[in-house]
């Protein structure tokens, strides 16, 4: 059952939550309408199923996997190293601790792969 919405959240939009503001980042791949939320003025980013300590989120087609690669390159890697990524499940992690693994993953040819991936595969 879909719930009604007041409005759709746009990429880059700031949303007030209590005493904080969250900046939305459009991050498709795992699903088409995935959004990450960064605490404005802080280091915390709620990444959901966009990225995990051990790899990117699961994809259901080669096209979705290619979208995930673009999201990693264009959305996730520009965040500062001190960003603390809070995944939908599993441990939180510091982006700088995973940056080299993500960059190495992006540098490899994955062909028509889709599904569960790890940073080490390739």
PDB file of N, CA and C in Angstrom:
ATOM      1  N   UNK A   1       0.837  -1.184   0.000  1.00  0.00           N
ATOM      2  CA  UNK A   1       0.000   0.000   0.000  1.00  0.00           C
ATOM      3  C   UNK A   1       0.878   1.242   0.000  1.00  0.00           C
ATOM      4  N   UNK A   2       0.717   2.086  -0.979  1.00  0.00           N
ATOM      5  CA  UNK A   2       1.471   3.332  -1.057  1.00  0.00           C
ATOM      6  C   UNK A   2       0.815   4.393  -0.177  1.00  0.00           C
ATOM      7  N   UNK A   3       1.633   5.123   0.530  1.00  0.00           N
ATOM      8  CA  UNK A   3       1.129   6.200   1.372  1.00  0.00           C
ATOM      9  C   UNK A   3       1.123   7.499   0.581  1.00  0.00           C
ATOM     10  N   UNK A   4       0.147   8.366   0.822  1.00  0.00           N
ATOM     11  CA  UNK A   4       0.132   9.652   0.124  1.00  0.00           C
ATOM     12  C   UNK A   4       1.294  10.533   0.604  1.00  0.00           C
ATOM     13  N   UNK A   5       1.757  11.401  -0.266  1.00  0.00           N
ATOM     14  CA  UNK A   5       2.858  12.302   0.088  1.00  0.00           C
ATOM     15  C   UNK A   5       2.412  13.753  -0.016  1.00  0.00           C
ATOM     16  N   UNK A   6       3.053  14.615   0.757  1.00  0.00           N
ATOM     17  CA  UNK A   6       2.804  16.046   0.664  1.00  0.00           C
ATOM     18  C   UNK A   6       3.494  16.625  -0.564  1.00  0.00           C
ATOM     19  N   UNK A   7       4.738  16.182  -0.787  1.00  0.00           N
ATOM     20  CA  UNK A   7       5.505  16.579  -1.971  1.00  0.00           C
ATOM     21  C   UNK A   7       6.682  15.620  -2.143  1.00  0.00           C
ATOM     22  N   UNK A   8       7.199  15.540  -3.346  1.00  0.00           N
ATOM     23  CA  UNK A   8       8.377  14.716  -3.591  1.00  0.00           C
ATOM     24  C   UNK A   8       9.620  15.480  -3.175  1.00  0.00           C
ATOM     25  N   UNK A   9      10.575  14.766  -2.598  1.00  0.00           N
ATOM     26  CA  UNK A   9      11.828  15.383  -2.169  1.00  0.00           C
ATOM     27  C   UNK A   9      12.752  15.477  -3.376  1.00  0.00           C
ATOM     28  N   UNK A  10      13.285  16.654  -3.603  1.00  0.00           N
ATOM     29  CA  UNK A  10      14.172  16.885  -4.743  1.00  0.00           C
ATOM     30  C   UNK A  10      15.631  16.732  -4.343  1.00  0.00           C
ATOM     31  N   UNK A  11      16.453  16.330  -5.306  1.00  0.00           N
ATOM     32  CA  UNK A  11      17.894  16.244  -5.100  1.00  0.00           C
ATOM     33  C   UNK A  11      18.409  17.604  -4.645  1.00  0.00           C
ATOM     34  N   UNK A  12      19.153  17.633  -3.566  1.00  0.00           N
ATOM     35  CA  UNK A  12      19.721  18.873  -3.043  1.00  0.00           C
ATOM     36  C   UNK A  12      18.815  19.639  -2.099  1.00  0.00           C
ATOM     37  N   UNK A  13      17.576  19.193  -1.954  1.00  0.00           N
ATOM     38  CA  UNK A  13      16.624  19.881  -1.075  1.00  0.00           C
ATOM     39  C   UNK A  13      17.042  19.737   0.385  1.00  0.00           C
ATOM     40  N   UNK A  14      16.845  20.796   1.167  1.00  0.00           N
ATOM     41  CA  UNK A  14      17.067  20.746   2.612  1.00  0.00           C
ATOM     42  C   UNK A  14      15.728  20.587   3.306  1.00  0.00           C
ATOM     43  N   UNK A  15      15.712  19.712   4.294  1.00  0.00           N
ATOM     44  CA  UNK A  15      14.497  19.395   5.032  1.00  0.00           C
ATOM     45  C   UNK A  15      14.781  19.612   6.512  1.00  0.00           C
ATOM     46  N   UNK A  16      13.917  20.344   7.196  1.00  0.00           N
ATOM     47  CA  UNK A  16      14.070  20.551   8.632  1.00  0.00           C
ATOM     48  C   UNK A  16      13.525  19.352   9.386  1.00  0.00           C
ATOM     49  N   UNK A  17      14.347  18.855  10.316  1.00  0.00           N
ATOM     50  CA  UNK A  17      13.950  17.745  11.182  1.00  0.00           C
ATOM     51  C   UNK A  17      14.367  18.129  12.593  1.00  0.00           C
ATOM     52  N   UNK A  18      13.420  18.505  13.416  1.00  0.00           N
ATOM     53  CA  UNK A  18      13.740  18.973  14.753  1.00  0.00           C
ATOM     54  C   UNK A  18      14.637  20.195  14.674  1.00  0.00           C
ATOM     55  N   UNK A  19      15.774  20.145  15.347  1.00  0.00           N
ATOM     56  CA  UNK A  19      16.723  21.264  15.348  1.00  0.00           C
ATOM     57  C   UNK A  19      17.776  21.124  14.257  1.00  0.00           C
ATOM     58  N   UNK A  20      17.621  20.164  13.378  1.00  0.00           N
ATOM     59  CA  UNK A  20      18.606  19.891  12.336  1.00  0.00           C
ATOM     60  C   UNK A  20      18.007  20.091  10.958  1.00  0.00           C
ATOM     61  N   UNK A  21      18.880  20.178   9.982  1.00  0.00           N
ATOM     62  CA  UNK A  21      18.467  20.188   8.580  1.00  0.00           C
ATOM     63  C   UNK A  21      19.172  19.021   7.903  1.00  0.00           C
ATOM     64  N   UNK A  22      18.454  18.357   7.017  1.00  0.00           N
ATOM     65  CA  UNK A  22      19.010  17.266   6.239  1.00  0.00           C
ATOM     66  C   UNK A  22      19.028  17.670   4.777  1.00  0.00           C
ATOM     67  N   UNK A  23      20.136  17.372   4.089  1.00  0.00           N
ATOM     68  CA  UNK A  23      20.229  17.616   2.651  1.00  0.00           C
ATOM     69  C   UNK A  23      20.017  16.290   1.940  1.00  0.00           C
ATOM     70  N   UNK A  24      19.099  16.290   0.969  1.00  0.00           N
ATOM     71  CA  UNK A  24      18.787  15.079   0.221  1.00  0.00           C
ATOM     72  C   UNK A  24      19.727  14.925  -0.965  1.00  0.00           C
ATOM     73  N   UNK A  25      20.184  13.699  -1.186  1.00  0.00           N
ATOM     74  CA  UNK A  25      21.001  13.340  -2.340  1.00  0.00           C
ATOM     75  C   UNK A  25      20.295  12.222  -3.095  1.00  0.00           C
ATOM     76  N   UNK A  26      19.948  12.459  -4.343  1.00  0.00           N
ATOM     77  CA  UNK A  26      19.358  11.434  -5.182  1.00  0.00           C
ATOM     78  C   UNK A  26      20.445  10.402  -5.464  1.00  0.00           C
ATOM     79  N   UNK A  27      20.184   9.129  -5.141  1.00  0.00           N
ATOM     80  CA  UNK A  27      21.213   8.087  -5.211  1.00  0.00           C
ATOM     81  C   UNK A  27      20.638   6.793  -5.782  1.00  0.00           C
ATOM     82  N   UNK A  28      20.205   6.798  -7.041  1.00  0.00           N
ATOM     83  CA  UNK A  28      19.590   5.596  -7.617  1.00  0.00           C
ATOM     84  C   UNK A  28      20.591   4.465  -7.814  1.00  0.00           C
ATOM     85  N   UNK A  29      20.050   3.287  -7.997  1.00  0.00           N
ATOM     86  CA  UNK A  29      20.865   2.094  -8.236  1.00  0.00           C
ATOM     87  C   UNK A  29      20.192   0.903  -7.595  1.00  0.00           C
ATOM     88  N   UNK A  30      20.256   0.847  -6.260  1.00  0.00           N
ATOM     89  CA  UNK A  30      19.580  -0.236  -5.541  1.00  0.00           C
ATOM     90  C   UNK A  30      18.091  -0.212  -5.896  1.00  0.00           C
ATOM     91  N   UNK A  31      17.509   0.968  -5.819  1.00  0.00           N
ATOM     92  CA  UNK A  31      16.159   1.226  -6.330  1.00  0.00           C
ATOM     93  C   UNK A  31      16.211   2.561  -7.060  1.00  0.00           C
ATOM     94  N   UNK A  32      15.229   2.787  -7.928  1.00  0.00           N
ATOM     95  CA  UNK A  32      15.254   3.985  -8.776  1.00  0.00           C
ATOM     96  C   UNK A  32      15.106   5.293  -8.013  1.00  0.00           C
ATOM     97  N   UNK A  33      14.408   5.274  -6.885  1.00  0.00           N
ATOM     98  CA  UNK A  33      14.146   6.530  -6.176  1.00  0.00           C
ATOM     99  C   UNK A  33      14.858   6.606  -4.823  1.00  0.00           C
ATOM    100  N   UNK A  34      16.027   5.985  -4.739  1.00  0.00           N
ATOM    101  CA  UNK A  34      16.811   5.987  -3.502  1.00  0.00           C
ATOM    102  C   UNK A  34      17.305   7.402  -3.190  1.00  0.00           C
ATOM    103  N   UNK A  35      17.244   7.767  -1.927  1.00  0.00           N
ATOM    104  CA  UNK A  35      17.723   9.073  -1.462  1.00  0.00           C
ATOM    105  C   UNK A  35      18.587   8.854  -0.231  1.00  0.00           C
ATOM    106  N   UNK A  36      19.686   9.598  -0.149  1.00  0.00           N
ATOM    107  CA  UNK A  36      20.514   9.651   1.049  1.00  0.00           C
ATOM    108  C   UNK A  36      20.262  11.000   1.712  1.00  0.00           C
ATOM    109  N   UNK A  37      20.429  11.062   3.019  1.00  0.00           N
ATOM    110  CA  UNK A  37      20.229  12.305   3.755  1.00  0.00           C
ATOM    111  C   UNK A  37      21.472  12.624   4.576  1.00  0.00           C
ATOM    112  N   UNK A  38      22.062  13.799   4.336  1.00  0.00           N
ATOM    113  CA  UNK A  38      23.228  14.257   5.097  1.00  0.00           C
ATOM    114  C   UNK A  38      22.794  15.312   6.105  1.00  0.00           C
ATOM    115  N   UNK A  39      23.290  15.193   7.328  1.00  0.00           N
ATOM    116  CA  UNK A  39      23.014  16.202   8.343  1.00  0.00           C
ATOM    117  C   UNK A  39      23.818  17.451   7.976  1.00  0.00           C
ATOM    118  N   UNK A  40      23.130  18.538   7.705  1.00  0.00           N
ATOM    119  CA  UNK A  40      23.781  19.787   7.316  1.00  0.00           C
ATOM    120  C   UNK A  40      24.639  20.282   8.480  1.00  0.00           C
ATOM    121  N   UNK A  41      25.908  20.572   8.199  1.00  0.00           N
ATOM    122  CA  UNK A  41      26.833  21.048   9.214  1.00  0.00           C
ATOM    123  C   UNK A  41      27.446  19.938  10.051  1.00  0.00           C
ATOM    124  N   UNK A  42      27.153  18.685   9.703  1.00  0.00           N
ATOM    125  CA  UNK A  42      27.679  17.550  10.456  1.00  0.00           C
ATOM    126  C   UNK A  42      28.395  16.580   9.539  1.00  0.00           C
ATOM    127  N   UNK A  43      28.682  15.417  10.063  1.00  0.00           N
ATOM    128  CA  UNK A  43      29.386  14.396   9.281  1.00  0.00           C
ATOM    129  C   UNK A  43      28.524  13.167   9.004  1.00  0.00           C
ATOM    130  N   UNK A  44      27.339  13.094   9.590  1.00  0.00           N
ATOM    131  CA  UNK A  44      26.487  11.923   9.447  1.00  0.00           C
ATOM    132  C   UNK A  44      25.689  11.952   8.147  1.00  0.00           C
ATOM    133  N   UNK A  45      25.687  10.813   7.448  1.00  0.00           N
ATOM    134  CA  UNK A  45      24.896  10.667   6.231  1.00  0.00           C
ATOM    135  C   UNK A  45      24.139   9.340   6.319  1.00  0.00           C
ATOM    136  N   UNK A  46      22.829   9.422   6.206  1.00  0.00           N
ATOM    137  CA  UNK A  46      21.994   8.223   6.186  1.00  0.00           C
ATOM    138  C   UNK A  46      21.984   7.738   4.743  1.00  0.00           C
ATOM    139  N   UNK A  47      22.662   6.619   4.479  1.00  0.00           N
ATOM    140  CA  UNK A  47      22.831   6.137   3.103  1.00  0.00           C
ATOM    141  C   UNK A  47      21.864   5.017   2.737  1.00  0.00           C
ATOM    142  N   UNK A  48      21.132   4.500   3.711  1.00  0.00           N
ATOM    143  CA  UNK A  48      20.177   3.428   3.419  1.00  0.00           C
ATOM    144  C   UNK A  48      20.868   2.244   2.770  1.00  0.00           C
ATOM    145  N   UNK A  49      20.368   1.820   1.605  1.00  0.00           N
ATOM    146  CA  UNK A  49      20.949   0.684   0.885  1.00  0.00           C
ATOM    147  C   UNK A  49      21.779   1.127  -0.318  1.00  0.00           C
ATOM    148  N   UNK A  50      22.237   2.381  -0.317  1.00  0.00           N
ATOM    149  CA  UNK A  50      23.074   2.882  -1.408  1.00  0.00           C
ATOM    150  C   UNK A  50      24.475   2.291  -1.344  1.00  0.00           C
ATOM    151  N   UNK A  51      25.042   2.250  -0.151  1.00  0.00           N
ATOM    152  CA  UNK A  51      26.416   1.788   0.026  1.00  0.00           C
ATOM    153  C   UNK A  51      26.556   1.194   1.426  1.00  0.00           C
ATOM    154  N   UNK A  52      27.363   0.138   1.516  1.00  0.00           N
ATOM    155  CA  UNK A  52      27.602  -0.545   2.784  1.00  0.00           C
ATOM    156  C   UNK A  52      29.105  -0.618   3.029  1.00  0.00           C
ATOM    157  N   UNK A  53      29.481  -0.985   4.225  1.00  0.00           N
ATOM    158  CA  UNK A  53      30.895  -1.126   4.557  1.00  0.00           C
ATOM    159  C   UNK A  53      31.586  -2.096   3.599  1.00  0.00           C
ATOM    160  N   UNK A  54      30.893  -3.160   3.193  1.00  0.00           N
ATOM    161  CA  UNK A  54      31.519  -4.197   2.375  1.00  0.00           C
ATOM    162  C   UNK A  54      31.252  -4.128   0.889  1.00  0.00           C
ATOM    163  N   UNK A  55      30.416  -3.201   0.437  1.00  0.00           N
ATOM    164  CA  UNK A  55      30.106  -3.115  -0.989  1.00  0.00           C
ATOM    165  C   UNK A  55      28.893  -2.254  -1.247  1.00  0.00           C
ATOM    166  N   UNK A  56      28.533  -2.128  -2.523  1.00  0.00           N
ATOM    167  CA  UNK A  56      27.340  -1.345  -2.868  1.00  0.00           C
ATOM    168  C   UNK A  56      26.076  -2.155  -2.616  1.00  0.00           C
ATOM    169  N   UNK A  57      24.945  -1.477  -2.636  1.00  0.00           N
ATOM    170  CA  UNK A  57      23.672  -2.162  -2.457  1.00  0.00           C
ATOM    171  C   UNK A  57      23.369  -3.128  -3.590  1.00  0.00           C
ATOM    172  N   UNK A  58      22.552  -4.130  -3.300  1.00  0.00           N
ATOM    173  CA  UNK A  58      22.142  -5.139  -4.276  1.00  0.00           C
ATOM    174  C   UNK A  58      21.430  -4.480  -5.458  1.00  0.00           C
ATOM    175  N   UNK A  59      21.685  -4.989  -6.647  1.00  0.00           N
ATOM    176  CA  UNK A  59      20.990  -4.506  -7.843  1.00  0.00           C
ATOM    177  C   UNK A  59      20.297  -5.674  -8.524  1.00  0.00           C
ATOM    178  N   UNK A  60      19.241  -5.379  -9.271  1.00  0.00           N
ATOM    179  CA  UNK A  60      18.416  -6.417  -9.875  1.00  0.00           C
ATOM    180  C   UNK A  60      18.551  -6.527 -11.389  1.00  0.00           C
ATOM    181  N   UNK A  61      19.457  -5.735 -11.971  1.00  0.00           N
ATOM    182  CA  UNK A  61      19.688  -5.806 -13.422  1.00  0.00           C
ATOM    183  C   UNK A  61      21.047  -5.183 -13.728  1.00  0.00           C
ATOM    184  N   UNK A  62      21.627  -5.518 -14.896  1.00  0.00           N
ATOM    185  CA  UNK A  62      22.883  -4.864 -15.285  1.00  0.00           C
ATOM    186  C   UNK A  62      22.737  -3.343 -15.378  1.00  0.00           C
ATOM    187  N   UNK A  63      21.588  -2.854 -15.846  1.00  0.00           N
ATOM    188  CA  UNK A  63      21.375  -1.403 -15.945  1.00  0.00           C
ATOM    189  C   UNK A  63      21.373  -0.758 -14.559  1.00  0.00           C
ATOM    190  N   UNK A  64      20.729  -1.407 -13.585  1.00  0.00           N
ATOM    191  CA  UNK A  64      20.715  -0.873 -12.218  1.00  0.00           C
ATOM    192  C   UNK A  64      22.124  -0.873 -11.620  1.00  0.00           C
ATOM    193  N   UNK A  65      22.920  -1.902 -11.923  1.00  0.00           N
ATOM    194  CA  UNK A  65      24.293  -1.940 -11.430  1.00  0.00           C
ATOM    195  C   UNK A  65      25.103  -0.782 -12.023  1.00  0.00           C
ATOM    196  N   UNK A  66      24.931  -0.514 -13.311  1.00  0.00           N
ATOM    197  CA  UNK A  66      25.634   0.612 -13.936  1.00  0.00           C
ATOM    198  C   UNK A  66      25.197   1.937 -13.303  1.00  0.00           C
ATOM    199  N   UNK A  67      23.922   2.037 -12.944  1.00  0.00           N
ATOM    200  CA  UNK A  67      23.436   3.231 -12.250  1.00  0.00           C
ATOM    201  C   UNK A  67      24.092   3.351 -10.887  1.00  0.00           C
ATOM    202  N   UNK A  68      24.238   2.227 -10.190  1.00  0.00           N
ATOM    203  CA  UNK A  68      24.926   2.231  -8.893  1.00  0.00           C
ATOM    204  C   UNK A  68      26.357   2.725  -9.046  1.00  0.00           C
ATOM    205  N   UNK A  69      27.051   2.288 -10.078  1.00  0.00           N
ATOM    206  CA  UNK A  69      28.430   2.744 -10.303  1.00  0.00           C
ATOM    207  C   UNK A  69      28.472   4.260 -10.495  1.00  0.00           C
ATOM    208  N   UNK A  70      27.530   4.803 -11.266  1.00  0.00           N
ATOM    209  CA  UNK A  70      27.464   6.264 -11.459  1.00  0.00           C
ATOM    210  C   UNK A  70      27.173   6.971 -10.137  1.00  0.00           C
ATOM    211  N   UNK A  71      26.271   6.404  -9.339  1.00  0.00           N
ATOM    212  CA  UNK A  71      25.948   7.007  -8.040  1.00  0.00           C
ATOM    213  C   UNK A  71      27.164   7.011  -7.125  1.00  0.00           C
ATOM    214  N   UNK A  72      27.905   5.918  -7.096  1.00  0.00           N
ATOM    215  CA  UNK A  72      29.123   5.879  -6.280  1.00  0.00           C
ATOM    216  C   UNK A  72      30.097   6.960  -6.717  1.00  0.00           C
ATOM    217  N   UNK A  73      30.307   7.081  -8.025  1.00  0.00           N
ATOM    218  CA  UNK A  73      31.266   8.039  -8.579  1.00  0.00           C
ATOM    219  C   UNK A  73      30.805   9.487  -8.397  1.00  0.00           C
ATOM    220  N   UNK A  74      29.527   9.746  -8.699  1.00  0.00           N
ATOM    221  CA  UNK A  74      29.051  11.132  -8.775  1.00  0.00           C
ATOM    222  C   UNK A  74      28.415  11.658  -7.494  1.00  0.00           C
ATOM    223  N   UNK A  75      27.948  10.771  -6.635  1.00  0.00           N
ATOM    224  CA  UNK A  75      27.265  11.200  -5.411  1.00  0.00           C
ATOM    225  C   UNK A  75      28.098  10.872  -4.172  1.00  0.00           C
ATOM    226  N   UNK A  76      28.482   9.619  -4.008  1.00  0.00           N
ATOM    227  CA  UNK A  76      29.134   9.177  -2.771  1.00  0.00           C
ATOM    228  C   UNK A  76      30.577   9.669  -2.670  1.00  0.00           C
ATOM    229  N   UNK A  77      31.385   9.448  -3.690  1.00  0.00           N
ATOM    230  CA  UNK A  77      32.810   9.822  -3.584  1.00  0.00           C
ATOM    231  C   UNK A  77      33.069  11.315  -3.380  1.00  0.00           C
ATOM    232  N   UNK A  78      32.213  12.221  -3.836  1.00  0.00           N
ATOM    233  CA  UNK A  78      32.455  13.639  -3.534  1.00  0.00           C
ATOM    234  C   UNK A  78      32.276  14.024  -2.057  1.00  0.00           C
ATOM    235  N   UNK A  79      31.629  13.166  -1.262  1.00  0.00           N
ATOM    236  CA  UNK A  79      31.487  13.482   0.161  1.00  0.00           C
ATOM    237  C   UNK A  79      32.858  13.451   0.832  1.00  0.00           C
ATOM    238  N   UNK A  80      33.036  14.238   1.899  1.00  0.00           N
ATOM    239  CA  UNK A  80      34.329  14.273   2.607  1.00  0.00           C
ATOM    240  C   UNK A  80      34.675  12.933   3.258  1.00  0.00           C
ATOM    241  N   UNK A  81      35.962  12.704   3.434  1.00  0.00           N
ATOM    242  CA  UNK A  81      36.439  11.472   4.072  1.00  0.00           C
ATOM    243  C   UNK A  81      35.872  11.264   5.466  1.00  0.00           C
ATOM    244  N   UNK A  82      35.599  12.362   6.193  1.00  0.00           N
ATOM    245  CA  UNK A  82      35.105  12.207   7.565  1.00  0.00           C
ATOM    246  C   UNK A  82      33.606  11.935   7.637  1.00  0.00           C
ATOM    247  N   UNK A  83      32.954  11.760   6.495  1.00  0.00           N
ATOM    248  CA  UNK A  83      31.529  11.415   6.480  1.00  0.00           C
ATOM    249  C   UNK A  83      31.325  10.050   7.122  1.00  0.00           C
ATOM    250  N   UNK A  84      30.377   9.984   8.037  1.00  0.00           N
ATOM    251  CA  UNK A  84      30.012   8.718   8.675  1.00  0.00           C
ATOM    252  C   UNK A  84      28.744   8.228   7.984  1.00  0.00           C
ATOM    253  N   UNK A  85      28.869   7.117   7.282  1.00  0.00           N
ATOM    254  CA  UNK A  85      27.763   6.563   6.495  1.00  0.00           C
ATOM    255  C   UNK A  85      26.990   5.573   7.350  1.00  0.00           C
ATOM    256  N   UNK A  86      25.688   5.827   7.479  1.00  0.00           N
ATOM    257  CA  UNK A  86      24.804   4.966   8.255  1.00  0.00           C
ATOM    258  C   UNK A  86      23.940   4.182   7.271  1.00  0.00           C
ATOM    259  N   UNK A  87      24.287   2.915   7.105  1.00  0.00           N
ATOM    260  CA  UNK A  87      23.592   2.058   6.145  1.00  0.00           C
ATOM    261  C   UNK A  87      22.260   1.567   6.717  1.00  0.00           C
ATOM    262  N   UNK A  88      21.409   1.082   5.811  1.00  0.00           N
ATOM    263  CA  UNK A  88      20.109   0.563   6.212  1.00  0.00           C
ATOM    264  C   UNK A  88      20.217  -0.650   7.125  1.00  0.00           C
ATOM    265  N   UNK A  89      21.304  -1.383   7.012  1.00  0.00           N
ATOM    266  CA  UNK A  89      21.611  -2.497   7.915  1.00  0.00           C
ATOM    267  C   UNK A  89      23.102  -2.719   7.865  1.00  0.00           C
ATOM    268  N   UNK A  90      23.636  -3.329   8.889  1.00  0.00           N
ATOM    269  CA  UNK A  90      25.086  -3.489   8.999  1.00  0.00           C
ATOM    270  C   UNK A  90      25.701  -2.296   9.700  1.00  0.00           C
ATOM    271  N   UNK A  91      27.029  -2.349   9.893  1.00  0.00           N
ATOM    272  CA  UNK A  91      27.693  -1.287  10.656  1.00  0.00           C
ATOM    273  C   UNK A  91      27.813   0.021   9.879  1.00  0.00           C
ATOM    274  N   UNK A  92      27.872   1.112  10.631  1.00  0.00           N
ATOM    275  CA  UNK A  92      28.198   2.410  10.048  1.00  0.00           C
ATOM    276  C   UNK A  92      29.699   2.421   9.778  1.00  0.00           C
ATOM    277  N   UNK A  93      30.137   3.300   8.889  1.00  0.00           N
ATOM    278  CA  UNK A  93      31.558   3.356   8.550  1.00  0.00           C
ATOM    279  C   UNK A  93      31.930   4.769   8.126  1.00  0.00           C
ATOM    280  N   UNK A  94      33.218   5.064   8.246  1.00  0.00           N
ATOM    281  CA  UNK A  94      33.781   6.341   7.811  1.00  0.00           C
ATOM    282  C   UNK A  94      34.132   6.206   6.336  1.00  0.00           C
ATOM    283  N   UNK A  95      33.632   7.130   5.513  1.00  0.00           N
ATOM    284  CA  UNK A  95      33.846   7.034   4.075  1.00  0.00           C
ATOM    285  C   UNK A  95      35.328   6.986   3.721  1.00  0.00           C
ATOM    286  N   UNK A  96      36.152   7.776   4.381  1.00  0.00           N
ATOM    287  CA  UNK A  96      37.580   7.795   4.079  1.00  0.00           C
ATOM    288  C   UNK A  96      38.247   6.439   4.256  1.00  0.00           C
ATOM    289  N   UNK A  97      37.694   5.622   5.163  1.00  0.00           N
ATOM    290  CA  UNK A  97      38.252   4.288   5.382  1.00  0.00           C
ATOM    291  C   UNK A  97      37.921   3.335   4.239  1.00  0.00           C
ATOM    292  N   UNK A  98      36.945   3.656   3.432  1.00  0.00           N
ATOM    293  CA  UNK A  98      36.509   2.799   2.319  1.00  0.00           C
ATOM    294  C   UNK A  98      36.789   3.408   0.948  1.00  0.00           C
ATOM    295  N   UNK A  99      37.257   4.655   0.916  1.00  0.00           N
ATOM    296  CA  UNK A  99      37.444   5.367  -0.352  1.00  0.00           C
ATOM    297  C   UNK A  99      38.327   4.588  -1.340  1.00  0.00           C
ATOM    298  N   UNK A 100      39.463   4.094  -0.910  1.00  0.00           N
ATOM    299  CA  UNK A 100      40.366   3.370  -1.822  1.00  0.00           C
ATOM    300  C   UNK A 100      39.693   2.116  -2.367  1.00  0.00           C
ATOM    301  N   UNK A 101      38.946   1.401  -1.523  1.00  0.00           N
ATOM    302  CA  UNK A 101      38.248   0.194  -1.981  1.00  0.00           C
ATOM    303  C   UNK A 101      37.173   0.542  -3.004  1.00  0.00           C
ATOM    304  N   UNK A 102      36.445   1.627  -2.765  1.00  0.00           N
ATOM    305  CA  UNK A 102      35.395   2.050  -3.704  1.00  0.00           C
ATOM    306  C   UNK A 102      36.026   2.486  -5.029  1.00  0.00           C
ATOM    307  N   UNK A 103      37.090   3.268  -4.958  1.00  0.00           N
ATOM    308  CA  UNK A 103      37.764   3.710  -6.187  1.00  0.00           C
ATOM    309  C   UNK A 103      38.305   2.515  -6.970  1.00  0.00           C
ATOM    310  N   UNK A 104      38.889   1.533  -6.277  1.00  0.00           N
ATOM    311  CA  UNK A 104      39.374   0.327  -6.941  1.00  0.00           C
ATOM    312  C   UNK A 104      38.245  -0.453  -7.590  1.00  0.00           C
ATOM    313  N   UNK A 105      37.129  -0.544  -6.899  1.00  0.00           N
ATOM    314  CA  UNK A 105      35.944  -1.221  -7.417  1.00  0.00           C
ATOM    315  C   UNK A 105      35.461  -0.539  -8.694  1.00  0.00           C
ATOM    316  N   UNK A 106      35.422   0.782  -8.681  1.00  0.00           N
ATOM    317  CA  UNK A 106      34.961   1.541  -9.848  1.00  0.00           C
ATOM    318  C   UNK A 106      35.918   1.423 -11.029  1.00  0.00           C
ATOM    319  N   UNK A 107      37.194   1.188 -10.760  1.00  0.00           N
ATOM    320  CA  UNK A 107      38.198   1.102 -11.827  1.00  0.00           C
ATOM    321  C   UNK A 107      38.140  -0.231 -12.587  1.00  0.00           C
ATOM    322  N   UNK A 108      37.491  -1.238 -12.002  1.00  0.00           N
ATOM    323  CA  UNK A 108      37.423  -2.560 -12.639  1.00  0.00           C
ATOM    324  C   UNK A 108      36.232  -2.671 -13.583  1.00  0.00           C
ATOM    325  N   UNK A 109      36.375  -3.517 -14.591  1.00  0.00           N
ATOM    326  CA  UNK A 109      35.285  -3.801 -15.525  1.00  0.00           C
ATOM    327  C   UNK A 109      34.450  -4.939 -14.944  1.00  0.00           C
ATOM    328  N   UNK A 110      33.169  -4.677 -14.711  1.00  0.00           N
ATOM    329  CA  UNK A 110      32.286  -5.676 -14.124  1.00  0.00           C
ATOM    330  C   UNK A 110      31.357  -6.301 -15.161  1.00  0.00           C
ATOM    331  N   UNK A 111      31.533  -5.942 -16.431  1.00  0.00           N
ATOM    332  CA  UNK A 111      30.719  -6.532 -17.491  1.00  0.00           C
ATOM    333  C   UNK A 111      29.240  -6.326 -17.251  1.00  0.00           C
ATOM    334  N   UNK A 112      28.466  -7.391 -17.420  1.00  0.00           N
ATOM    335  CA  UNK A 112      27.012  -7.334 -17.248  1.00  0.00           C
ATOM    336  C   UNK A 112      26.569  -7.785 -15.863  1.00  0.00           C
ATOM    337  N   UNK A 113      27.446  -7.650 -14.871  1.00  0.00           N
ATOM    338  CA  UNK A 113      27.141  -8.086 -13.510  1.00  0.00           C
ATOM    339  C   UNK A 113      25.926  -7.345 -12.949  1.00  0.00           C
ATOM    340  N   UNK A 114      25.199  -8.021 -12.069  1.00  0.00           N
ATOM    341  CA  UNK A 114      24.232  -7.401 -11.167  1.00  0.00           C
ATOM    342  C   UNK A 114      24.035  -8.344  -9.996  1.00  0.00           C
ATOM    343  N   UNK A 115      23.474  -7.838  -8.910  1.00  0.00           N
ATOM    344  CA  UNK A 115      23.268  -8.650  -7.706  1.00  0.00           C
ATOM    345  C   UNK A 115      24.040  -8.078  -6.541  1.00  0.00           C
ATOM    346  N   UNK A 116      24.462  -8.957  -5.619  1.00  0.00           N
ATOM    347  CA  UNK A 116      25.247  -8.548  -4.452  1.00  0.00           C
ATOM    348  C   UNK A 116      26.719  -8.444  -4.839  1.00  0.00           C
ATOM    349  N   UNK A 117      27.324  -7.330  -4.534  1.00  0.00           N
ATOM    350  CA  UNK A 117      28.734  -7.114  -4.868  1.00  0.00           C
ATOM    351  C   UNK A 117      29.524  -6.792  -3.607  1.00  0.00           C
ATOM    352  N   UNK A 118      30.818  -7.068  -3.654  1.00  0.00           N
ATOM    353  CA  UNK A 118      31.734  -6.663  -2.596  1.00  0.00           C
ATOM    354  C   UNK A 118      32.827  -5.813  -3.211  1.00  0.00           C
ATOM    355  N   UNK A 119      33.466  -4.988  -2.411  1.00  0.00           N
ATOM    356  CA  UNK A 119      34.526  -4.107  -2.927  1.00  0.00           C
ATOM    357  C   UNK A 119      35.666  -4.916  -3.525  1.00  0.00           C
ATOM    358  N   UNK A 120      35.903  -6.126  -3.037  1.00  0.00           N
ATOM    359  CA  UNK A 120      37.030  -6.922  -3.486  1.00  0.00           C
ATOM    360  C   UNK A 120      36.796  -7.661  -4.799  1.00  0.00           C
ATOM    361  N   UNK A 121      35.555  -7.791  -5.225  1.00  0.00           N
ATOM    362  CA  UNK A 121      35.274  -8.580  -6.434  1.00  0.00           C
ATOM    363  C   UNK A 121      35.788  -7.885  -7.678  1.00  0.00           C
ATOM    364  N   UNK A 122      36.030  -8.649  -8.696  1.00  0.00           N
ATOM    365  CA  UNK A 122      36.417  -7.967  -9.900  1.00  0.00           C
ATOM    366  C   UNK A 122      37.097  -8.827 -10.868  1.00  0.00           C
TER     367      UNK A 122
END
